[in-house]
Amino acid sequence: MTNRASKVTVDEDYCAGHGACVVTCPEVFKIGPDGYAVVLVDEVPAEMESAVGRAVEECPTQAIGWRD
């Protein structure tokens, strides 16, 4: 991620609440009261981009993605 603010989203239609993103990057993701992942930050801090990138790649339902 370069030359732009990094933002990430969780598509609630695809999230199954596996929690892999929370394990990978708990500073950015948590499991909400409904049992699905939620994003905790408006913009991903530069030092967290690598971990969030892993969470995007490792999500078993491909519910996490970068957005502009």
Protein backbone atom coordinates (compact mmCIF):
# COMPACT_ATOMS: atom_id res chain seq x y z
CA MET A 1 0.00 0.00 0.00
CA THR A 2 1.65 3.18 -1.12
CA ASN A 3 0.65 6.70 -2.08
CA ARG A 4 -2.84 6.50 -0.61
CA ALA A 5 -4.61 6.18 2.67
CA SER A 6 -5.15 2.53 3.44
CA LYS A 7 -8.66 1.52 4.35
CA VAL A 8 -10.07 -1.94 4.83
CA THR A 9 -13.58 -3.29 4.96
CA VAL A 10 -15.34 -6.49 5.96
CA ASP A 11 -18.23 -7.56 3.75
CA GLU A 12 -20.87 -8.70 6.22
CA ASP A 13 -22.57 -10.77 3.52
CA TYR A 14 -19.47 -12.98 3.26
CA CYS A 15 -17.99 -12.92 6.77
CA ALA A 16 -18.61 -16.18 8.61
CA GLY A 17 -16.99 -15.11 11.87
CA HIS A 18 -13.98 -17.44 11.68
CA GLY A 19 -11.84 -14.83 13.45
CA ALA A 20 -8.65 -15.37 11.46
CA CYS A 21 -8.38 -11.61 10.93
CA VAL A 22 -8.60 -10.98 14.68
CA VAL A 23 -5.81 -13.46 15.32
CA THR A 24 -3.69 -11.90 12.58
CA CYS A 25 -4.32 -8.24 13.43
CA PRO A 26 -6.31 -7.59 16.63
CA GLU A 27 -5.41 -3.89 16.49
CA VAL A 28 -7.60 -3.52 13.40
CA PHE A 29 -10.26 -6.26 13.66
CA LYS A 30 -12.51 -7.67 16.35
CA ILE A 31 -15.49 -9.98 16.47
CA GLY A 32 -18.58 -7.88 17.06
CA PRO A 33 -21.62 -8.75 19.17
CA ASP A 34 -23.29 -10.41 16.18
CA GLY A 35 -20.38 -12.87 15.83
CA TYR A 36 -18.85 -11.33 12.71
CA ALA A 37 -15.67 -9.33 12.15
CA VAL A 38 -15.70 -5.55 12.31
CA VAL A 39 -13.01 -3.00 11.48
CA LEU A 40 -11.84 -0.89 14.43
CA VAL A 41 -10.09 1.91 12.52
CA ASP A 42 -11.04 4.39 9.81
CA GLU A 43 -7.61 4.20 8.21
CA VAL A 44 -5.08 1.41 8.64
CA PRO A 45 -1.91 2.69 10.33
CA ALA A 46 1.16 2.25 8.13
CA GLU A 47 2.74 -0.13 10.64
CA MET A 48 -0.33 -2.41 10.44
CA GLU A 49 -0.60 -2.61 6.63
CA SER A 50 1.43 -5.81 6.35
CA ALA A 51 -0.66 -7.61 8.99
CA VAL A 52 -3.90 -6.38 7.43
CA GLY A 53 -2.65 -7.58 4.05
CA ARG A 54 -2.14 -11.04 5.56
CA ALA A 55 -5.66 -10.90 7.01
CA VAL A 56 -7.05 -10.03 3.56
CA GLU A 57 -5.17 -12.93 1.98
CA GLU A 58 -5.97 -15.44 4.73
CA CYS A 59 -9.70 -14.74 5.13
CA PRO A 60 -11.34 -18.10 4.36
CA THR A 61 -14.46 -16.46 2.90
CA GLN A 62 -12.65 -13.56 1.17
CA ALA A 63 -14.81 -11.11 3.12
CA ILE A 64 -12.00 -8.62 3.77
CA GLY A 65 -10.75 -6.19 1.16
CA TRP A 66 -8.91 -2.95 0.66
CA ARG A 67 -10.96 0.07 -0.34
CA ASP A 68 -10.29 3.65 -1.44
